[in-house]
Amino acid sequence: MKSELIVLPADSSDSEDFDVSESALERAQKARLIRKTRVQLGLTQAEFATRFRVPVGTLRDWEQSRSTPPILRWLTCG
């Protein structure tokens, strides 16, 4: 397994803190963009999900950076 570059090291004084890799930071930024867009549109998660025809659970996964929407994966490849 390839070692990832750590861009934000864990705080050693906080036992619950953890290192953040470059890829994790990128996922978090994408998640933030999705949530920010939804909020700027004035939509709840349910309304946004209905408008864009995705399950609410999928939208939650996107907003919590558990997964990335296909369009963002395509736009950021290569």
PDB file of N, CA and C in Angstrom:
ATOM      1  N   MET A   1       0.843  -1.182   0.000  1.00  0.00           N
ATOM      2  CA  MET A   1       0.000   0.000   0.000  1.00  0.00           C
ATOM      3  C   MET A   1       0.889   1.246   0.000  1.00  0.00           C
ATOM      4  N   LYS A   2       0.569   2.187  -0.869  1.00  0.00           N
ATOM      5  CA  LYS A   2       1.349   3.403  -1.007  1.00  0.00           C
ATOM      6  C   LYS A   2       1.076   4.349   0.168  1.00  0.00           C
ATOM      7  N   SER A   3       2.127   4.904   0.708  1.00  0.00           N
ATOM      8  CA  SER A   3       1.997   5.859   1.803  1.00  0.00           C
ATOM      9  C   SER A   3       1.559   7.205   1.237  1.00  0.00           C
ATOM     10  N   GLU A   4       0.518   7.794   1.829  1.00  0.00           N
ATOM     11  CA  GLU A   4       0.017   9.078   1.353  1.00  0.00           C
ATOM     12  C   GLU A   4       0.693  10.228   2.078  1.00  0.00           C
ATOM     13  N   LEU A   5       0.835  11.327   1.381  1.00  0.00           N
ATOM     14  CA  LEU A   5       1.396  12.534   1.952  1.00  0.00           C
ATOM     15  C   LEU A   5       0.442  13.085   3.010  1.00  0.00           C
ATOM     16  N   ILE A   6       0.946  13.311   4.197  1.00  0.00           N
ATOM     17  CA  ILE A   6       0.143  13.882   5.279  1.00  0.00           C
ATOM     18  C   ILE A   6       0.263  15.399   5.183  1.00  0.00           C
ATOM     19  N   VAL A   7      -0.883  16.065   5.002  1.00  0.00           N
ATOM     20  CA  VAL A   7      -0.865  17.518   4.870  1.00  0.00           C
ATOM     21  C   VAL A   7      -1.277  18.215   6.161  1.00  0.00           C
ATOM     22  N   LEU A   8      -1.888  17.467   7.062  1.00  0.00           N
ATOM     23  CA  LEU A   8      -2.287  18.026   8.352  1.00  0.00           C
ATOM     24  C   LEU A   8      -2.054  16.959   9.419  1.00  0.00           C
ATOM     25  N   PRO A   9      -0.925  17.050  10.117  1.00  0.00           N
ATOM     26  CA  PRO A   9      -0.615  16.028  11.113  1.00  0.00           C
ATOM     27  C   PRO A   9      -1.541  16.117  12.327  1.00  0.00           C
ATOM     28  N   ALA A  10      -1.732  14.989  12.973  1.00  0.00           N
ATOM     29  CA  ALA A  10      -2.558  14.922  14.177  1.00  0.00           C
ATOM     30  C   ALA A  10      -1.925  15.739  15.300  1.00  0.00           C
ATOM     31  N   ASP A  11      -2.790  16.273  16.139  1.00  0.00           N
ATOM     32  CA  ASP A  11      -2.344  16.987  17.338  1.00  0.00           C
ATOM     33  C   ASP A  11      -2.023  15.930  18.389  1.00  0.00           C
ATOM     34  N   SER A  12      -0.765  15.820  18.768  1.00  0.00           N
ATOM     35  CA  SER A  12      -0.350  14.765  19.706  1.00  0.00           C
ATOM     36  C   SER A  12      -0.973  14.918  21.089  1.00  0.00           C
ATOM     37  N   SER A  13      -1.464  16.108  21.416  1.00  0.00           N
ATOM     38  CA  SER A  13      -2.097  16.303  22.721  1.00  0.00           C
ATOM     39  C   SER A  13      -3.578  15.895  22.713  1.00  0.00           C
ATOM     40  N   ASP A  14      -4.101  15.540  21.544  1.00  0.00           N
ATOM     41  CA  ASP A  14      -5.505  15.135  21.414  1.00  0.00           C
ATOM     42  C   ASP A  14      -5.555  13.673  20.981  1.00  0.00           C
ATOM     43  N   SER A  15      -5.970  12.809  21.891  1.00  0.00           N
ATOM     44  CA  SER A  15      -5.971  11.368  21.607  1.00  0.00           C
ATOM     45  C   SER A  15      -6.970  10.972  20.518  1.00  0.00           C
ATOM     46  N   GLU A  16      -7.928  11.828  20.213  1.00  0.00           N
ATOM     47  CA  GLU A  16      -8.925  11.509  19.183  1.00  0.00           C
ATOM     48  C   GLU A  16      -8.606  12.136  17.832  1.00  0.00           C
ATOM     49  N   ASP A  17      -7.573  12.943  17.754  1.00  0.00           N
ATOM     50  CA  ASP A  17      -7.189  13.579  16.500  1.00  0.00           C
ATOM     51  C   ASP A  17      -6.486  12.571  15.600  1.00  0.00           C
ATOM     52  N   PHE A  18      -6.398  12.865  14.314  1.00  0.00           N
ATOM     53  CA  PHE A  18      -5.769  11.956  13.368  1.00  0.00           C
ATOM     54  C   PHE A  18      -5.106  12.745  12.249  1.00  0.00           C
ATOM     55  N   ASP A  19      -4.148  12.108  11.572  1.00  0.00           N
ATOM     56  CA  ASP A  19      -3.491  12.712  10.417  1.00  0.00           C
ATOM     57  C   ASP A  19      -4.498  12.848   9.281  1.00  0.00           C
ATOM     58  N   VAL A  20      -4.322  13.884   8.465  1.00  0.00           N
ATOM     59  CA  VAL A  20      -5.172  14.068   7.292  1.00  0.00           C
ATOM     60  C   VAL A  20      -4.280  14.021   6.058  1.00  0.00           C
ATOM     61  N   SER A  21      -4.611  13.102   5.162  1.00  0.00           N
ATOM     62  CA  SER A  21      -3.830  12.958   3.930  1.00  0.00           C
ATOM     63  C   SER A  21      -4.303  13.964   2.888  1.00  0.00           C
ATOM     64  N   GLU A  22      -3.509  14.104   1.862  1.00  0.00           N
ATOM     65  CA  GLU A  22      -3.847  15.011   0.764  1.00  0.00           C
ATOM     66  C   GLU A  22      -5.169  14.602   0.112  1.00  0.00           C
ATOM     67  N   SER A  23      -5.359  13.306  -0.132  1.00  0.00           N
ATOM     68  CA  SER A  23      -6.590  12.853  -0.774  1.00  0.00           C
ATOM     69  C   SER A  23      -7.807  13.061   0.133  1.00  0.00           C
ATOM     70  N   ALA A  24      -7.640  12.878   1.433  1.00  0.00           N
ATOM     71  CA  ALA A  24      -8.754  13.111   2.367  1.00  0.00           C
ATOM     72  C   ALA A  24      -9.130  14.588   2.389  1.00  0.00           C
ATOM     73  N   LEU A  25      -8.146  15.457   2.322  1.00  0.00           N
ATOM     74  CA  LEU A  25      -8.410  16.886   2.295  1.00  0.00           C
ATOM     75  C   LEU A  25      -9.155  17.273   1.018  1.00  0.00           C
ATOM     76  N   GLU A  26      -8.771  16.686  -0.099  1.00  0.00           N
ATOM     77  CA  GLU A  26      -9.464  16.944  -1.373  1.00  0.00           C
ATOM     78  C   GLU A  26     -10.915  16.485  -1.306  1.00  0.00           C
ATOM     79  N   ARG A  27     -11.152  15.305  -0.743  1.00  0.00           N
ATOM     80  CA  ARG A  27     -12.536  14.807  -0.585  1.00  0.00           C
ATOM     81  C   ARG A  27     -13.351  15.756   0.285  1.00  0.00           C
ATOM     82  N   ALA A  28     -12.745  16.246   1.352  1.00  0.00           N
ATOM     83  CA  ALA A  28     -13.446  17.159   2.255  1.00  0.00           C
ATOM     84  C   ALA A  28     -13.798  18.471   1.547  1.00  0.00           C
ATOM     85  N   GLN A  29     -12.898  18.948   0.705  1.00  0.00           N
ATOM     86  CA  GLN A  29     -13.170  20.191  -0.024  1.00  0.00           C
ATOM     87  C   GLN A  29     -14.316  20.004  -1.020  1.00  0.00           C
ATOM     88  N   LYS A  30     -14.373  18.846  -1.656  1.00  0.00           N
ATOM     89  CA  LYS A  30     -15.472  18.558  -2.582  1.00  0.00           C
ATOM     90  C   LYS A  30     -16.793  18.462  -1.818  1.00  0.00           C
ATOM     91  N   ALA A  31     -16.757  17.822  -0.675  1.00  0.00           N
ATOM     92  CA  ALA A  31     -17.957  17.694   0.155  1.00  0.00           C
ATOM     93  C   ALA A  31     -18.455  19.071   0.571  1.00  0.00           C
ATOM     94  N   ARG A  32     -17.538  19.921   0.943  1.00  0.00           N
ATOM     95  CA  ARG A  32     -17.900  21.280   1.356  1.00  0.00           C
ATOM     96  C   ARG A  32     -18.545  22.045   0.204  1.00  0.00           C
ATOM     97  N   LEU A  33     -18.004  21.886  -1.012  1.00  0.00           N
ATOM     98  CA  LEU A  33     -18.555  22.545  -2.187  1.00  0.00           C
ATOM     99  C   LEU A  33     -20.002  22.106  -2.437  1.00  0.00           C
ATOM    100  N   ILE A  34     -20.264  20.819  -2.304  1.00  0.00           N
ATOM    101  CA  ILE A  34     -21.619  20.309  -2.512  1.00  0.00           C
ATOM    102  C   ILE A  34     -22.577  20.910  -1.490  1.00  0.00           C
ATOM    103  N   ARG A  35     -22.200  20.871  -0.222  1.00  0.00           N
ATOM    104  CA  ARG A  35     -23.065  21.412   0.824  1.00  0.00           C
ATOM    105  C   ARG A  35     -23.277  22.911   0.635  1.00  0.00           C
ATOM    106  N   LYS A  36     -22.202  23.627   0.330  1.00  0.00           N
ATOM    107  CA  LYS A  36     -22.281  25.072   0.135  1.00  0.00           C
ATOM    108  C   LYS A  36     -23.225  25.407  -1.023  1.00  0.00           C
ATOM    109  N   THR A  37     -23.142  24.655  -2.100  1.00  0.00           N
ATOM    110  CA  THR A  37     -24.020  24.861  -3.254  1.00  0.00           C
ATOM    111  C   THR A  37     -25.476  24.638  -2.860  1.00  0.00           C
ATOM    112  N   ARG A  38     -25.742  23.550  -2.137  1.00  0.00           N
ATOM    113  CA  ARG A  38     -27.110  23.246  -1.709  1.00  0.00           C
ATOM    114  C   ARG A  38     -27.664  24.362  -0.830  1.00  0.00           C
ATOM    115  N   VAL A  39     -26.855  24.821   0.119  1.00  0.00           N
ATOM    116  CA  VAL A  39     -27.285  25.881   1.034  1.00  0.00           C
ATOM    117  C   VAL A  39     -27.526  27.186   0.265  1.00  0.00           C
ATOM    118  N   GLN A  40     -26.648  27.510  -0.682  1.00  0.00           N
ATOM    119  CA  GLN A  40     -26.822  28.732  -1.469  1.00  0.00           C
ATOM    120  C   GLN A  40     -28.092  28.683  -2.316  1.00  0.00           C
ATOM    121  N   LEU A  41     -28.485  27.488  -2.713  1.00  0.00           N
ATOM    122  CA  LEU A  41     -29.738  27.328  -3.459  1.00  0.00           C
ATOM    123  C   LEU A  41     -30.952  27.388  -2.537  1.00  0.00           C
ATOM    124  N   GLY A  42     -30.707  27.369  -1.230  1.00  0.00           N
ATOM    125  CA  GLY A  42     -31.796  27.425  -0.261  1.00  0.00           C
ATOM    126  C   GLY A  42     -32.591  26.131  -0.178  1.00  0.00           C
ATOM    127  N   LEU A  43     -31.920  25.012  -0.431  1.00  0.00           N
ATOM    128  CA  LEU A  43     -32.600  23.717  -0.455  1.00  0.00           C
ATOM    129  C   LEU A  43     -32.211  22.857   0.741  1.00  0.00           C
ATOM    130  N   THR A  44     -33.165  22.102   1.234  1.00  0.00           N
ATOM    131  CA  THR A  44     -32.866  21.082   2.232  1.00  0.00           C
ATOM    132  C   THR A  44     -32.198  19.922   1.497  1.00  0.00           C
ATOM    133  N   GLN A  45     -31.671  18.974   2.275  1.00  0.00           N
ATOM    134  CA  GLN A  45     -31.087  17.790   1.630  1.00  0.00           C
ATOM    135  C   GLN A  45     -32.143  17.056   0.811  1.00  0.00           C
ATOM    136  N   ALA A  46     -33.351  16.929   1.358  1.00  0.00           N
ATOM    137  CA  ALA A  46     -34.422  16.217   0.646  1.00  0.00           C
ATOM    138  C   ALA A  46     -34.794  16.941  -0.648  1.00  0.00           C
ATOM    139  N   GLU A  47     -34.893  18.262  -0.606  1.00  0.00           N
ATOM    140  CA  GLU A  47     -35.243  19.031  -1.802  1.00  0.00           C
ATOM    141  C   GLU A  47     -34.144  18.943  -2.858  1.00  0.00           C
ATOM    142  N   PHE A  48     -32.909  19.067  -2.431  1.00  0.00           N
ATOM    143  CA  PHE A  48     -31.775  18.975  -3.352  1.00  0.00           C
ATOM    144  C   PHE A  48     -31.736  17.593  -4.001  1.00  0.00           C
ATOM    145  N   ALA A  49     -31.898  16.570  -3.180  1.00  0.00           N
ATOM    146  CA  ALA A  49     -31.867  15.194  -3.685  1.00  0.00           C
ATOM    147  C   ALA A  49     -32.979  14.965  -4.712  1.00  0.00           C
ATOM    148  N   THR A  50     -34.157  15.484  -4.428  1.00  0.00           N
ATOM    149  CA  THR A  50     -35.278  15.337  -5.365  1.00  0.00           C
ATOM    150  C   THR A  50     -34.988  16.071  -6.669  1.00  0.00           C
ATOM    151  N   ARG A  51     -34.503  17.306  -6.546  1.00  0.00           N
ATOM    152  CA  ARG A  51     -34.235  18.114  -7.741  1.00  0.00           C
ATOM    153  C   ARG A  51     -33.198  17.458  -8.645  1.00  0.00           C
ATOM    154  N   PHE A  52     -32.167  16.867  -8.047  1.00  0.00           N
ATOM    155  CA  PHE A  52     -31.089  16.287  -8.843  1.00  0.00           C
ATOM    156  C   PHE A  52     -31.184  14.772  -8.974  1.00  0.00           C
ATOM    157  N   ARG A  53     -32.318  14.244  -8.536  1.00  0.00           N
ATOM    158  CA  ARG A  53     -32.644  12.813  -8.714  1.00  0.00           C
ATOM    159  C   ARG A  53     -31.584  11.870  -8.167  1.00  0.00           C
ATOM    160  N   VAL A  54     -31.197  12.139  -6.914  1.00  0.00           N
ATOM    161  CA  VAL A  54     -30.295  11.232  -6.210  1.00  0.00           C
ATOM    162  C   VAL A  54     -30.937  10.881  -4.868  1.00  0.00           C
ATOM    163  N   PRO A  55     -30.687   9.710  -4.341  1.00  0.00           N
ATOM    164  CA  PRO A  55     -31.219   9.374  -3.018  1.00  0.00           C
ATOM    165  C   PRO A  55     -30.633  10.303  -1.946  1.00  0.00           C
ATOM    166  N   VAL A  56     -31.432  10.631  -0.958  1.00  0.00           N
ATOM    167  CA  VAL A  56     -30.984  11.501   0.128  1.00  0.00           C
ATOM    168  C   VAL A  56     -29.747  10.905   0.804  1.00  0.00           C
ATOM    169  N   GLY A  57     -29.719   9.607   0.980  1.00  0.00           N
ATOM    170  CA  GLY A  57     -28.564   8.951   1.598  1.00  0.00           C
ATOM    171  C   GLY A  57     -27.292   9.168   0.795  1.00  0.00           C
ATOM    172  N   THR A  58     -27.416   9.168  -0.509  1.00  0.00           N
ATOM    173  CA  THR A  58     -26.257   9.424  -1.377  1.00  0.00           C
ATOM    174  C   THR A  58     -25.764  10.856  -1.185  1.00  0.00           C
ATOM    175  N   LEU A  59     -26.698  11.808  -1.150  1.00  0.00           N
ATOM    176  CA  LEU A  59     -26.325  13.197  -0.921  1.00  0.00           C
ATOM    177  C   LEU A  59     -25.625  13.345   0.427  1.00  0.00           C
ATOM    178  N   ARG A  60     -26.139  12.694   1.444  1.00  0.00           N
ATOM    179  CA  ARG A  60     -25.490  12.749   2.766  1.00  0.00           C
ATOM    180  C   ARG A  60     -24.064  12.202   2.690  1.00  0.00           C
ATOM    181  N   ASP A  61     -23.908  11.092   1.970  1.00  0.00           N
ATOM    182  CA  ASP A  61     -22.556  10.527   1.794  1.00  0.00           C
ATOM    183  C   ASP A  61     -21.636  11.537   1.117  1.00  0.00           C
ATOM    184  N   TRP A  62     -22.136  12.231   0.099  1.00  0.00           N
ATOM    185  CA  TRP A  62     -21.340  13.233  -0.588  1.00  0.00           C
ATOM    186  C   TRP A  62     -20.955  14.358   0.366  1.00  0.00           C
ATOM    187  N   GLU A  63     -21.942  14.857   1.124  1.00  0.00           N
ATOM    188  CA  GLU A  63     -21.696  15.989   2.018  1.00  0.00           C
ATOM    189  C   GLU A  63     -20.790  15.625   3.195  1.00  0.00           C
ATOM    190  N   GLN A  64     -20.721  14.353   3.529  1.00  0.00           N
ATOM    191  CA  GLN A  64     -19.867  13.919   4.637  1.00  0.00           C
ATOM    192  C   GLN A  64     -18.579  13.281   4.120  1.00  0.00           C
ATOM    193  N   SER A  65     -18.295  13.464   2.865  1.00  0.00           N
ATOM    194  CA  SER A  65     -17.105  12.989   2.144  1.00  0.00           C
ATOM    195  C   SER A  65     -16.863  11.482   2.254  1.00  0.00           C
ATOM    196  N   ARG A  66     -17.953  10.735   2.419  1.00  0.00           N
ATOM    197  CA  ARG A  66     -17.823   9.263   2.397  1.00  0.00           C
ATOM    198  C   ARG A  66     -17.721   8.756   0.974  1.00  0.00           C
ATOM    199  N   SER A  67     -18.260   9.532   0.026  1.00  0.00           N
ATOM    200  CA  SER A  67     -18.118   9.209  -1.395  1.00  0.00           C
ATOM    201  C   SER A  67     -18.151  10.526  -2.169  1.00  0.00           C
ATOM    202  N   THR A  68     -17.777  10.452  -3.442  1.00  0.00           N
ATOM    203  CA  THR A  68     -17.722  11.648  -4.286  1.00  0.00           C
ATOM    204  C   THR A  68     -18.661  11.452  -5.466  1.00  0.00           C
ATOM    205  N   PRO A  69     -19.453  12.473  -5.797  1.00  0.00           N
ATOM    206  CA  PRO A  69     -20.345  12.333  -6.947  1.00  0.00           C
ATOM    207  C   PRO A  69     -19.553  12.092  -8.231  1.00  0.00           C
ATOM    208  N   PRO A  70     -20.108  11.311  -9.134  1.00  0.00           N
ATOM    209  CA  PRO A  70     -19.398  10.989 -10.374  1.00  0.00           C
ATOM    210  C   PRO A  70     -18.915  12.218 -11.130  1.00  0.00           C
ATOM    211  N   ILE A  71     -19.712  13.263 -11.210  1.00  0.00           N
ATOM    212  CA  ILE A  71     -19.312  14.453 -11.980  1.00  0.00           C
ATOM    213  C   ILE A  71     -18.064  15.081 -11.396  1.00  0.00           C
ATOM    214  N   LEU A  72     -17.930  15.099 -10.088  1.00  0.00           N
ATOM    215  CA  LEU A  72     -16.713  15.668  -9.492  1.00  0.00           C
ATOM    216  C   LEU A  72     -15.516  14.775  -9.739  1.00  0.00           C
ATOM    217  N   ARG A  73     -15.716  13.466  -9.777  1.00  0.00           N
ATOM    218  CA  ARG A  73     -14.607  12.561 -10.088  1.00  0.00           C
ATOM    219  C   ARG A  73     -14.138  12.804 -11.523  1.00  0.00           C
ATOM    220  N   TRP A  74     -15.105  12.993 -12.449  1.00  0.00           N
ATOM    221  CA  TRP A  74     -14.736  13.213 -13.856  1.00  0.00           C
ATOM    222  C   TRP A  74     -14.010  14.534 -14.026  1.00  0.00           C
ATOM    223  N   LEU A  75     -14.492  15.569 -13.345  1.00  0.00           N
ATOM    224  CA  LEU A  75     -13.903  16.895 -13.507  1.00  0.00           C
ATOM    225  C   LEU A  75     -12.507  17.001 -12.920  1.00  0.00           C
ATOM    226  N   THR A  76     -12.181  16.155 -11.957  1.00  0.00           N
ATOM    227  CA  THR A  76     -10.889  16.276 -11.285  1.00  0.00           C
ATOM    228  C   THR A  76      -9.898  15.192 -11.678  1.00  0.00           C
ATOM    229  N   CYS A  77     -10.232  14.373 -12.671  1.00  0.00           N
ATOM    230  CA  CYS A  77      -9.314  13.316 -13.104  1.00  0.00           C
ATOM    231  C   CYS A  77      -8.194  13.913 -13.960  1.00  0.00           C
ATOM    232  N   GLY A  78      -7.033  13.282 -13.787  1.00  0.00           N
ATOM    233  CA  GLY A  78      -5.912  13.570 -14.652  1.00  0.00           C
ATOM    234  C   GLY A  78      -5.433  14.948 -14.558  1.00  0.00           C
TER     235      GLY A  78
END
